[in-house]
C-alpha cells in the first residue's frame, strides 16, 4: 500500500520511537507511526522524515513556585528496510526550550536553551503475519527494541551555571526500550493498530534519572480520498517519578491519556504532509502538573512511491 494509506497504517507498527524525551516530559504515541506509516515497516530501502513538534508543560503550583517549559523540537528520521520483515531506524532531534521559573504567580527567571537532544537507534522485526485474505484482511505482529543514546547536550550553562535539568536539551542518560505491535488490515481502506512499550531509563552524570514509563497506543486509519487519510489515536502513558540522588522528585510522573486526530495528505512523488494534535483527555499526574496539547507537523519522503 502506498501514499497516505501506507503512511498511516504502520507507523504504529513501530513502537520504536516513542519519544527520545525524558519521562517527566515524555511524549505519548508513536513517532514512527506518525512519520512513516505502514511504509515505515514493509518497504525495502530508505525512508526519510522531518518533524516539528511543540510541547507545553508546567510543574508545581504557580501561586507558590513552579516551572513552565515550552519546547519546540525538530527531528530527522532515517529508516532502512533490509527486507519486508526487518528495518533499522535512526532519529536525531534538536531541541529549543523556553524555560520560566514562577514565584507567587510572577515570572522570577526566564531563559532559552537549544542544542542536540538524544539521538535514538532502533530495530523492528516482524515475527508473524497471516496470509492476505480474499477480503483484504491481514494480521501481523512485530517486535521493536532500541536505545536512546546519551549524546544530547546535558551540561548547558548560562553565566557559568548549569541550568535546570528540565531545561537541558538532552537527558544525558542511556535508556533502553522494547515493545510489541499488532496490525490488522480491516480492508483496503482502513487499518487498526495496537502497541505496548516499556522504556527503562538510566542515570546521567549529575545523578538525575527520569522515570521509567509504560506506553500503550491504539489507532484507526481510514482512507478518505485517493490522496487524503485520516487517523484517530488513543495514546496512553504511565511513568514513575523522576529521581535525583536516589530521591523522588516531586511533581513528576503519573498517568495521562491523549486523544490524537491526524491528517495525512499525499503530495505525490513519495512525499506525504502530516499534521496532528494530541489532546489530553484524562490526567492523573503526581503532585501539581499541567500537560497541555502537543502539536505536530511533518513531511515524509518514501523514494520510489507515487
C-alpha atoms as a PDB file:
ATOM      1  CA  UNK A   1       0.000   0.000   0.000  1.00  0.00           C
ATOM      2  CA  UNK A   2       1.470   3.369  -0.985  1.00  0.00           C
ATOM      3  CA  UNK A   3       0.872   7.031  -0.333  1.00  0.00           C
ATOM      4  CA  UNK A   4      -1.007   8.206   2.738  1.00  0.00           C
ATOM      5  CA  UNK A   5      -2.639   4.858   3.297  1.00  0.00           C
ATOM      6  CA  UNK A   6       0.796   3.372   3.579  1.00  0.00           C
ATOM      7  CA  UNK A   7       1.946   6.188   5.756  1.00  0.00           C
ATOM      8  CA  UNK A   8      -0.969   5.881   8.098  1.00  0.00           C
ATOM      9  CA  UNK A   9      -1.095   2.212   8.800  1.00  0.00           C
ATOM     10  CA  UNK A  10       2.273   1.249  10.205  1.00  0.00           C
ATOM     11  CA  UNK A  11       3.880   3.975  11.767  1.00  0.00           C
ATOM     12  CA  UNK A  12       2.072   2.430  14.574  1.00  0.00           C
ATOM     13  CA  UNK A  13       3.753  -0.855  13.945  1.00  0.00           C
ATOM     14  CA  UNK A  14       6.962   0.588  15.210  1.00  0.00           C
ATOM     15  CA  UNK A  15       6.874   1.103  18.847  1.00  0.00           C
ATOM     16  CA  UNK A  16      10.318   2.178  18.191  1.00  0.00           C
ATOM     17  CA  UNK A  17      10.438   5.811  18.792  1.00  0.00           C
ATOM     18  CA  UNK A  18       8.062   6.753  21.412  1.00  0.00           C
ATOM     19  CA  UNK A  19       9.970   9.864  22.123  1.00  0.00           C
ATOM     20  CA  UNK A  20      13.584  10.369  22.868  1.00  0.00           C
ATOM     21  CA  UNK A  21      12.412  12.520  25.692  1.00  0.00           C
ATOM     22  CA  UNK A  22      12.639  12.322  29.467  1.00  0.00           C
ATOM     23  CA  UNK A  23       9.621  10.720  31.078  1.00  0.00           C
ATOM     24  CA  UNK A  24       8.673  13.711  33.191  1.00  0.00           C
ATOM     25  CA  UNK A  25       8.023  15.445  29.886  1.00  0.00           C
ATOM     26  CA  UNK A  26       7.592  12.268  27.851  1.00  0.00           C
ATOM     27  CA  UNK A  27       5.572  12.201  24.668  1.00  0.00           C
ATOM     28  CA  UNK A  28       2.768   9.741  24.207  1.00  0.00           C
ATOM     29  CA  UNK A  29       2.167   7.969  20.931  1.00  0.00           C
ATOM     30  CA  UNK A  30       4.491   6.527  18.339  1.00  0.00           C
ATOM     31  CA  UNK A  31       6.652   8.935  16.328  1.00  0.00           C
ATOM     32  CA  UNK A  32       7.495   6.220  13.807  1.00  0.00           C
ATOM     33  CA  UNK A  33       3.813   5.714  13.075  1.00  0.00           C
ATOM     34  CA  UNK A  34       3.482   9.466  12.865  1.00  0.00           C
ATOM     35  CA  UNK A  35       6.418   9.761  10.489  1.00  0.00           C
ATOM     36  CA  UNK A  36       6.286   6.797   8.102  1.00  0.00           C
ATOM     37  CA  UNK A  37       3.077   4.834   8.424  1.00  0.00           C
ATOM     38  CA  UNK A  38       2.908   1.342   7.007  1.00  0.00           C
ATOM     39  CA  UNK A  39       5.660   2.189   4.545  1.00  0.00           C
ATOM     40  CA  UNK A  40       7.935   2.609   7.542  1.00  0.00           C
ATOM     41  CA  UNK A  41       7.907  -1.135   8.017  1.00  0.00           C
ATOM     42  CA  UNK A  42       7.125  -3.177   4.932  1.00  0.00           C
ATOM     43  CA  UNK A  43       9.169  -1.372   2.272  1.00  0.00           C
ATOM     44  CA  UNK A  44      12.768  -2.115   1.386  1.00  0.00           C
ATOM     45  CA  UNK A  45      15.263   0.687   1.012  1.00  0.00           C
ATOM     46  CA  UNK A  46      15.390   4.149   2.550  1.00  0.00           C
ATOM     47  CA  UNK A  47      12.613   6.310   4.016  1.00  0.00           C
ATOM     48  CA  UNK A  48      13.023   9.796   5.451  1.00  0.00           C
ATOM     49  CA  UNK A  49      11.002  12.163   7.644  1.00  0.00           C
ATOM     50  CA  UNK A  50      11.337  15.591   9.211  1.00  0.00           C
ATOM     51  CA  UNK A  51       9.053  16.701  12.064  1.00  0.00           C
ATOM     52  CA  UNK A  52       8.333  19.842  14.081  1.00  0.00           C
ATOM     53  CA  UNK A  53       6.650  19.469  17.455  1.00  0.00           C
ATOM     54  CA  UNK A  54       5.543  21.934  20.126  1.00  0.00           C
ATOM     55  CA  UNK A  55       5.139  20.799  23.738  1.00  0.00           C
ATOM     56  CA  UNK A  56       3.920  22.805  26.753  1.00  0.00           C
ATOM     57  CA  UNK A  57       4.058  21.770  30.416  1.00  0.00           C
ATOM     58  CA  UNK A  58       4.007  23.275  33.914  1.00  0.00           C
ATOM     59  CA  UNK A  59       5.211  21.662  37.153  1.00  0.00           C
ATOM     60  CA  UNK A  60       4.424  22.952  40.626  1.00  0.00           C
ATOM     61  CA  UNK A  61       1.778  25.391  41.959  1.00  0.00           C
ATOM     62  CA  UNK A  62       2.152  28.748  40.149  1.00  0.00           C
ATOM     63  CA  UNK A  63       0.933  30.674  43.207  1.00  0.00           C
ATOM     64  CA  UNK A  64       3.986  29.359  45.122  1.00  0.00           C
ATOM     65  CA  UNK A  65       6.857  28.107  42.981  1.00  0.00           C
ATOM     66  CA  UNK A  66       6.576  26.467  39.573  1.00  0.00           C
ATOM     67  CA  UNK A  67       8.477  25.664  36.383  1.00  0.00           C
ATOM     68  CA  UNK A  68       6.999  26.229  32.939  1.00  0.00           C
ATOM     69  CA  UNK A  69       8.526  24.717  29.821  1.00  0.00           C
ATOM     70  CA  UNK A  70       7.650  25.298  26.168  1.00  0.00           C
ATOM     71  CA  UNK A  71       9.691  23.190  23.779  1.00  0.00           C
ATOM     72  CA  UNK A  72       9.928  23.232  20.012  1.00  0.00           C
ATOM     73  CA  UNK A  73      11.660  20.191  18.641  1.00  0.00           C
ATOM     74  CA  UNK A  74      12.846  19.298  15.132  1.00  0.00           C
ATOM     75  CA  UNK A  75      13.511  15.609  14.482  1.00  0.00           C
ATOM     76  CA  UNK A  76      15.088  13.961  11.443  1.00  0.00           C
ATOM     77  CA  UNK A  77      14.373  10.270  10.894  1.00  0.00           C
ATOM     78  CA  UNK A  78      16.128   7.856   8.537  1.00  0.00           C
ATOM     79  CA  UNK A  79      14.917   4.269   8.137  1.00  0.00           C
ATOM     80  CA  UNK A  80      16.283   1.460   6.011  1.00  0.00           C
ATOM     81  CA  UNK A  81      14.375  -1.724   5.300  1.00  0.00           C
ATOM     82  CA  UNK A  82      16.656  -4.681   4.624  1.00  0.00           C
ATOM     83  CA  UNK A  83      13.553  -6.749   3.804  1.00  0.00           C
ATOM     84  CA  UNK A  84       9.800  -6.600   4.363  1.00  0.00           C
ATOM     85  CA  UNK A  85      10.472  -8.048   7.843  1.00  0.00           C
ATOM     86  CA  UNK A  86      13.472  -6.163   9.228  1.00  0.00           C
ATOM     87  CA  UNK A  87      14.076  -2.400   9.481  1.00  0.00           C
ATOM     88  CA  UNK A  88      16.623  -0.188  11.221  1.00  0.00           C
ATOM     89  CA  UNK A  89      15.863   3.407  12.199  1.00  0.00           C
ATOM     90  CA  UNK A  90      17.789   6.416  13.472  1.00  0.00           C
ATOM     91  CA  UNK A  91      16.250   9.580  14.903  1.00  0.00           C
ATOM     92  CA  UNK A  92      18.185  12.797  15.599  1.00  0.00           C
ATOM     93  CA  UNK A  93      16.289  15.565  17.463  1.00  0.00           C
ATOM     94  CA  UNK A  94      17.265  19.193  18.050  1.00  0.00           C
ATOM     95  CA  UNK A  95      15.547  20.988  20.934  1.00  0.00           C
ATOM     96  CA  UNK A  96      14.686  24.656  21.571  1.00  0.00           C
ATOM     97  CA  UNK A  97      13.292  25.253  25.080  1.00  0.00           C
ATOM     98  CA  UNK A  98      11.815  28.333  26.710  1.00  0.00           C
ATOM     99  CA  UNK A  99      12.034  27.873  30.469  1.00  0.00           C
ATOM    100  CA  UNK A 100      10.300  30.045  33.073  1.00  0.00           C
ATOM    101  CA  UNK A 101      10.588  29.924  36.866  1.00  0.00           C
ATOM    102  CA  UNK A 102       7.445  31.256  38.553  1.00  0.00           C
ATOM    103  CA  UNK A 103       7.162  32.552  42.107  1.00  0.00           C
ATOM    104  CA  UNK A 104       3.847  33.769  43.552  1.00  0.00           C
ATOM    105  CA  UNK A 105       2.377  33.752  40.073  1.00  0.00           C
ATOM    106  CA  UNK A 106       5.093  36.035  38.645  1.00  0.00           C
ATOM    107  CA  UNK A 107       7.978  35.152  36.333  1.00  0.00           C
ATOM    108  CA  UNK A 108      11.091  35.061  38.518  1.00  0.00           C
ATOM    109  CA  UNK A 109      13.554  33.904  35.869  1.00  0.00           C
ATOM    110  CA  UNK A 110      13.299  33.147  32.160  1.00  0.00           C
ATOM    111  CA  UNK A 111      15.809  31.836  29.637  1.00  0.00           C
ATOM    112  CA  UNK A 112      16.082  29.811  26.420  1.00  0.00           C
ATOM    113  CA  UNK A 113      18.262  26.803  25.683  1.00  0.00           C
ATOM    114  CA  UNK A 114      18.938  24.973  22.432  1.00  0.00           C
ATOM    115  CA  UNK A 115      21.047  22.087  21.274  1.00  0.00           C
ATOM    116  CA  UNK A 116      21.226  18.466  20.227  1.00  0.00           C
ATOM    117  CA  UNK A 117      18.795  16.246  22.089  1.00  0.00           C
ATOM    118  CA  UNK A 118      19.237  12.482  22.475  1.00  0.00           C
ATOM    119  CA  UNK A 119      19.684  10.501  19.225  1.00  0.00           C
ATOM    120  CA  UNK A 120      17.911   7.166  19.152  1.00  0.00           C
ATOM    121  CA  UNK A 121      18.546   3.881  17.328  1.00  0.00           C
ATOM    122  CA  UNK A 122      16.004   1.087  16.983  1.00  0.00           C
ATOM    123  CA  UNK A 123      15.256  -2.114  15.108  1.00  0.00           C
ATOM    124  CA  UNK A 124      11.923  -3.653  14.079  1.00  0.00           C
ATOM    125  CA  UNK A 125      11.314  -7.314  13.355  1.00  0.00           C
ATOM    126  CA  UNK A 126       8.043  -8.749  12.112  1.00  0.00           C
ATOM    127  CA  UNK A 127       7.729 -12.117  13.835  1.00  0.00           C
ATOM    128  CA  UNK A 128       4.393 -13.259  12.418  1.00  0.00           C
ATOM    129  CA  UNK A 129       1.960 -12.382   9.635  1.00  0.00           C
ATOM    130  CA  UNK A 130      -1.177 -14.074   8.343  1.00  0.00           C
ATOM    131  CA  UNK A 131      -1.841 -14.522   4.627  1.00  0.00           C
ATOM    132  CA  UNK A 132      -3.849 -11.804   2.904  1.00  0.00           C
ATOM    133  CA  UNK A 133      -7.475 -12.943   2.749  1.00  0.00           C
ATOM    134  CA  UNK A 134      -9.715 -12.517  -0.338  1.00  0.00           C
ATOM    135  CA  UNK A 135     -11.437  -9.647   1.501  1.00  0.00           C
ATOM    136  CA  UNK A 136      -8.143  -7.870   2.152  1.00  0.00           C
ATOM    137  CA  UNK A 137      -7.784  -8.862   5.822  1.00  0.00           C
ATOM    138  CA  UNK A 138      -4.316  -9.403   7.210  1.00  0.00           C
ATOM    139  CA  UNK A 139      -2.765  -9.510  10.683  1.00  0.00           C
ATOM    140  CA  UNK A 140       0.840  -9.097  11.764  1.00  0.00           C
ATOM    141  CA  UNK A 141       2.882  -8.962  14.950  1.00  0.00           C
ATOM    142  CA  UNK A 142       6.174  -7.111  15.392  1.00  0.00           C
ATOM    143  CA  UNK A 143       8.896  -6.731  17.999  1.00  0.00           C
ATOM    144  CA  UNK A 144      10.811  -3.497  18.495  1.00  0.00           C
ATOM    145  CA  UNK A 145      13.881  -2.724  20.587  1.00  0.00           C
ATOM    146  CA  UNK A 146      16.227   0.206  20.761  1.00  0.00           C
ATOM    147  CA  UNK A 147      18.442   2.538  22.713  1.00  0.00           C
ATOM    148  CA  UNK A 148      18.313   6.252  23.393  1.00  0.00           C
ATOM    149  CA  UNK A 149      21.897   7.445  23.438  1.00  0.00           C
ATOM    150  CA  UNK A 150      23.349   9.922  25.991  1.00  0.00           C
ATOM    151  CA  UNK A 151      24.852  12.173  23.296  1.00  0.00           C
ATOM    152  CA  UNK A 152      22.397  15.039  23.715  1.00  0.00           C
ATOM    153  CA  UNK A 153      23.663  18.156  25.493  1.00  0.00           C
ATOM    154  CA  UNK A 154      23.107  17.863  29.254  1.00  0.00           C
ATOM    155  CA  UNK A 155      25.620  20.385  30.576  1.00  0.00           C
ATOM    156  CA  UNK A 156      24.078  23.587  29.187  1.00  0.00           C
ATOM    157  CA  UNK A 157      25.240  26.597  31.209  1.00  0.00           C
ATOM    158  CA  UNK A 158      24.216  30.240  31.431  1.00  0.00           C
ATOM    159  CA  UNK A 159      26.667  32.662  33.086  1.00  0.00           C
ATOM    160  CA  UNK A 160      28.786  29.702  34.167  1.00  0.00           C
ATOM    161  CA  UNK A 161      25.955  27.880  35.959  1.00  0.00           C
ATOM    162  CA  UNK A 162      24.275  24.676  34.769  1.00  0.00           C
ATOM    163  CA  UNK A 163      20.591  25.290  34.068  1.00  0.00           C
ATOM    164  CA  UNK A 164      17.683  23.258  35.469  1.00  0.00           C
ATOM    165  CA  UNK A 165      17.576  19.596  34.429  1.00  0.00           C
ATOM    166  CA  UNK A 166      14.294  20.039  32.533  1.00  0.00           C
ATOM    167  CA  UNK A 167      15.752  22.912  30.516  1.00  0.00           C
ATOM    168  CA  UNK A 168      18.649  20.783  29.254  1.00  0.00           C
ATOM    169  CA  UNK A 169      18.362  19.863  25.531  1.00  0.00           C
ATOM    170  CA  UNK A 170      19.315  16.240  26.303  1.00  0.00           C
ATOM    171  CA  UNK A 171      18.870  13.860  29.224  1.00  0.00           C
ATOM    172  CA  UNK A 172      22.495  12.732  29.447  1.00  0.00           C
ATOM    173  CA  UNK A 173      21.421   9.131  30.122  1.00  0.00           C
ATOM    174  CA  UNK A 174      21.352   5.874  28.207  1.00  0.00           C
ATOM    175  CA  UNK A 175      17.820   4.445  28.025  1.00  0.00           C
ATOM    176  CA  UNK A 176      16.645   1.159  26.524  1.00  0.00           C
ATOM    177  CA  UNK A 177      13.174   0.249  25.311  1.00  0.00           C
ATOM    178  CA  UNK A 178      11.300  -2.719  23.897  1.00  0.00           C
ATOM    179  CA  UNK A 179       7.779  -3.309  22.726  1.00  0.00           C
ATOM    180  CA  UNK A 180       5.243  -5.223  20.738  1.00  0.00           C
ATOM    181  CA  UNK A 181       2.892  -4.056  17.998  1.00  0.00           C
ATOM    182  CA  UNK A 182      -0.078  -5.696  16.284  1.00  0.00           C
ATOM    183  CA  UNK A 183      -1.539  -4.553  12.957  1.00  0.00           C
ATOM    184  CA  UNK A 184      -4.896  -5.567  11.497  1.00  0.00           C
ATOM    185  CA  UNK A 185      -5.783  -4.628   7.919  1.00  0.00           C
ATOM    186  CA  UNK A 186      -9.570  -4.341   8.077  1.00  0.00           C
ATOM    187  CA  UNK A 187      -9.907  -3.815   4.321  1.00  0.00           C
ATOM    188  CA  UNK A 188      -8.164  -1.914   1.538  1.00  0.00           C
ATOM    189  CA  UNK A 189      -9.262   1.415   3.048  1.00  0.00           C
ATOM    190  CA  UNK A 190      -8.816   1.013   6.809  1.00  0.00           C
ATOM    191  CA  UNK A 191      -6.343  -0.294   9.368  1.00  0.00           C
ATOM    192  CA  UNK A 192      -6.339  -0.913  13.120  1.00  0.00           C
ATOM    193  CA  UNK A 193      -3.170  -0.891  15.205  1.00  0.00           C
ATOM    194  CA  UNK A 194      -2.290  -1.511  18.866  1.00  0.00           C
ATOM    195  CA  UNK A 195       1.072  -1.350  20.616  1.00  0.00           C
ATOM    196  CA  UNK A 196       2.741  -1.678  24.010  1.00  0.00           C
ATOM    197  CA  UNK A 197       6.179  -0.478  25.056  1.00  0.00           C
ATOM    198  CA  UNK A 198       8.347  -0.273  28.173  1.00  0.00           C
ATOM    199  CA  UNK A 199      11.172   2.260  28.492  1.00  0.00           C
ATOM    200  CA  UNK A 200      13.890   1.809  31.124  1.00  0.00           C
ATOM    201  CA  UNK A 201      15.825   4.978  31.894  1.00  0.00           C
ATOM    202  CA  UNK A 202      19.379   5.357  33.123  1.00  0.00           C
ATOM    203  CA  UNK A 203      21.024   7.923  35.394  1.00  0.00           C
ATOM    204  CA  UNK A 204      23.013  10.812  33.965  1.00  0.00           C
ATOM    205  CA  UNK A 205      26.338  12.210  35.198  1.00  0.00           C
ATOM    206  CA  UNK A 206      24.547  14.649  37.513  1.00  0.00           C
ATOM    207  CA  UNK A 207      22.663  11.940  39.429  1.00  0.00           C
ATOM    208  CA  UNK A 208      19.303  12.530  37.724  1.00  0.00           C
ATOM    209  CA  UNK A 209      17.114   9.703  36.439  1.00  0.00           C
ATOM    210  CA  UNK A 210      13.889  10.300  34.538  1.00  0.00           C
ATOM    211  CA  UNK A 211      11.085   7.918  35.455  1.00  0.00           C
ATOM    212  CA  UNK A 212      10.615   4.570  33.731  1.00  0.00           C
ATOM    213  CA  UNK A 213       7.480   4.534  31.605  1.00  0.00           C
ATOM    214  CA  UNK A 214       4.883   2.224  30.101  1.00  0.00           C
ATOM    215  CA  UNK A 215       3.218   3.287  26.842  1.00  0.00           C
ATOM    216  CA  UNK A 216       0.175   1.958  25.016  1.00  0.00           C
ATOM    217  CA  UNK A 217      -1.363   3.095  21.740  1.00  0.00           C
ATOM    218  CA  UNK A 218      -4.493   2.302  19.768  1.00  0.00           C
ATOM    219  CA  UNK A 219      -5.084   3.796  16.313  1.00  0.00           C
ATOM    220  CA  UNK A 220      -7.592   3.583  13.491  1.00  0.00           C
ATOM    221  CA  UNK A 221      -6.646   4.766   9.996  1.00  0.00           C
ATOM    222  CA  UNK A 222      -9.120   5.385   7.175  1.00  0.00           C
ATOM    223  CA  UNK A 223      -8.527   6.444   3.570  1.00  0.00           C
ATOM    224  CA  UNK A 224     -10.870   9.351   2.817  1.00  0.00           C
ATOM    225  CA  UNK A 225      -9.859  10.030  -0.797  1.00  0.00           C
ATOM    226  CA  UNK A 226      -7.127   8.930  -3.144  1.00  0.00           C
ATOM    227  CA  UNK A 227      -4.739  11.413  -1.539  1.00  0.00           C
ATOM    228  CA  UNK A 228      -6.060  12.018   1.989  1.00  0.00           C
ATOM    229  CA  UNK A 229      -6.032   9.712   5.012  1.00  0.00           C
ATOM    230  CA  UNK A 230      -7.437  10.372   8.489  1.00  0.00           C
ATOM    231  CA  UNK A 231      -6.191   8.743  11.700  1.00  0.00           C
ATOM    232  CA  UNK A 232      -7.580   8.825  15.220  1.00  0.00           C
ATOM    233  CA  UNK A 233      -5.477   7.538  18.113  1.00  0.00           C
ATOM    234  CA  UNK A 234      -5.576   6.966  21.848  1.00  0.00           C
ATOM    235  CA  UNK A 235      -2.112   7.451  23.394  1.00  0.00           C
ATOM    236  CA  UNK A 236      -1.564   6.286  26.999  1.00  0.00           C
ATOM    237  CA  UNK A 237       1.454   6.825  29.226  1.00  0.00           C
ATOM    238  CA  UNK A 238       2.216   5.837  32.809  1.00  0.00           C
ATOM    239  CA  UNK A 239       5.573   6.835  34.287  1.00  0.00           C
ATOM    240  CA  UNK A 240       7.049   6.657  37.757  1.00  0.00           C
ATOM    241  CA  UNK A 241       8.538   9.687  39.490  1.00  0.00           C
ATOM    242  CA  UNK A 242      11.907  11.034  38.457  1.00  0.00           C
ATOM    243  CA  UNK A 243      14.776  10.571  40.890  1.00  0.00           C
ATOM    244  CA  UNK A 244      17.640  12.859  41.844  1.00  0.00           C
ATOM    245  CA  UNK A 245      20.415  11.409  44.002  1.00  0.00           C
ATOM    246  CA  UNK A 246      18.072   8.403  44.558  1.00  0.00           C
ATOM    247  CA  UNK A 247      15.329  10.668  45.976  1.00  0.00           C
ATOM    248  CA  UNK A 248      11.916  11.037  44.304  1.00  0.00           C
ATOM    249  CA  UNK A 249      11.418  14.371  42.534  1.00  0.00           C
ATOM    250  CA  UNK A 250       8.031  15.945  43.343  1.00  0.00           C
ATOM    251  CA  UNK A 251       5.573  16.893  40.597  1.00  0.00           C
ATOM    252  CA  UNK A 252       6.900  14.298  38.146  1.00  0.00           C
ATOM    253  CA  UNK A 253       5.411  11.069  36.786  1.00  0.00           C
ATOM    254  CA  UNK A 254       1.833   9.866  36.692  1.00  0.00           C
ATOM    255  CA  UNK A 255      -0.722   8.771  34.115  1.00  0.00           C
ATOM    256  CA  UNK A 256      -2.128  10.577  31.080  1.00  0.00           C
ATOM    257  CA  UNK A 257      -4.320   9.687  28.102  1.00  0.00           C
ATOM    258  CA  UNK A 258      -4.359  11.676  24.855  1.00  0.00           C
ATOM    259  CA  UNK A 259      -6.868  11.702  22.002  1.00  0.00           C
ATOM    260  CA  UNK A 260      -4.981  12.375  18.771  1.00  0.00           C
ATOM    261  CA  UNK A 261      -6.599  13.235  15.420  1.00  0.00           C
ATOM    262  CA  UNK A 262      -4.189  13.171  12.481  1.00  0.00           C
ATOM    263  CA  UNK A 263      -4.458  14.075   8.792  1.00  0.00           C
ATOM    264  CA  UNK A 264      -2.149  12.866   6.008  1.00  0.00           C
ATOM    265  CA  UNK A 265      -2.003  14.342   2.508  1.00  0.00           C
ATOM    266  CA  UNK A 266      -0.209  12.600  -0.374  1.00  0.00           C
ATOM    267  CA  UNK A 267       1.685  15.308  -2.284  1.00  0.00           C
ATOM    268  CA  UNK A 268       2.923  12.919  -4.943  1.00  0.00           C
ATOM    269  CA  UNK A 269       6.462  11.797  -5.709  1.00  0.00           C
ATOM    270  CA  UNK A 270       6.596   9.856  -2.449  1.00  0.00           C
ATOM    271  CA  UNK A 271       6.051  12.955  -0.270  1.00  0.00           C
ATOM    272  CA  UNK A 272       3.385  12.980   2.439  1.00  0.00           C
ATOM    273  CA  UNK A 273       2.460  16.015   4.540  1.00  0.00           C
ATOM    274  CA  UNK A 274       1.190  15.272   8.067  1.00  0.00           C
ATOM    275  CA  UNK A 275      -0.483  17.239  10.842  1.00  0.00           C
ATOM    276  CA  UNK A 276      -1.730  16.177  14.286  1.00  0.00           C
ATOM    277  CA  UNK A 277      -2.690  17.460  17.709  1.00  0.00           C
ATOM    278  CA  UNK A 278      -2.534  15.411  20.932  1.00  0.00           C
ATOM    279  CA  UNK A 279      -5.334  16.474  23.255  1.00  0.00           C
ATOM    280  CA  UNK A 280      -5.098  15.380  26.915  1.00  0.00           C
ATOM    281  CA  UNK A 281      -8.447  13.879  27.936  1.00  0.00           C
ATOM    282  CA  UNK A 282      -7.523  12.051  31.174  1.00  0.00           C
ATOM    283  CA  UNK A 283      -4.859  13.224  33.649  1.00  0.00           C
ATOM    284  CA  UNK A 284      -3.777  11.556  36.884  1.00  0.00           C
ATOM    285  CA  UNK A 285      -0.373  13.173  37.359  1.00  0.00           C
ATOM    286  CA  UNK A 286       1.670  13.156  40.565  1.00  0.00           C
ATOM    287  CA  UNK A 287       1.655  16.357  42.568  1.00  0.00           C
ATOM    288  CA  UNK A 288       0.846  19.554  40.681  1.00  0.00           C
ATOM    289  CA  UNK A 289       1.387  19.263  36.929  1.00  0.00           C
ATOM    290  CA  UNK A 290      -0.323  20.536  33.811  1.00  0.00           C
ATOM    291  CA  UNK A 291       0.393  18.938  30.436  1.00  0.00           C
ATOM    292  CA  UNK A 292      -1.228  20.747  27.526  1.00  0.00           C
ATOM    293  CA  UNK A 293      -1.914  19.899  23.901  1.00  0.00           C
ATOM    294  CA  UNK A 294       1.007  18.797  21.720  1.00  0.00           C
ATOM    295  CA  UNK A 295       1.152  19.996  18.098  1.00  0.00           C
ATOM    296  CA  UNK A 296       2.975  18.171  15.310  1.00  0.00           C
ATOM    297  CA  UNK A 297       3.641  18.894  11.620  1.00  0.00           C
ATOM    298  CA  UNK A 298       5.836  16.700   9.458  1.00  0.00           C
ATOM    299  CA  UNK A 299       6.927  15.753   5.970  1.00  0.00           C
ATOM    300  CA  UNK A 300       7.815  12.205   4.910  1.00  0.00           C
ATOM    301  CA  UNK A 301       9.552  11.002   1.786  1.00  0.00           C
ATOM    302  CA  UNK A 302       9.479   7.415   0.554  1.00  0.00           C
ATOM    303  CA  UNK A 303      11.638   7.177  -2.592  1.00  0.00           C
ATOM    304  CA  UNK A 304      10.022   5.175  -5.341  1.00  0.00           C
ATOM    305  CA  UNK A 305       6.442   5.798  -4.123  1.00  0.00           C
ATOM    306  CA  UNK A 306       3.921   7.583  -6.318  1.00  0.00           C
END
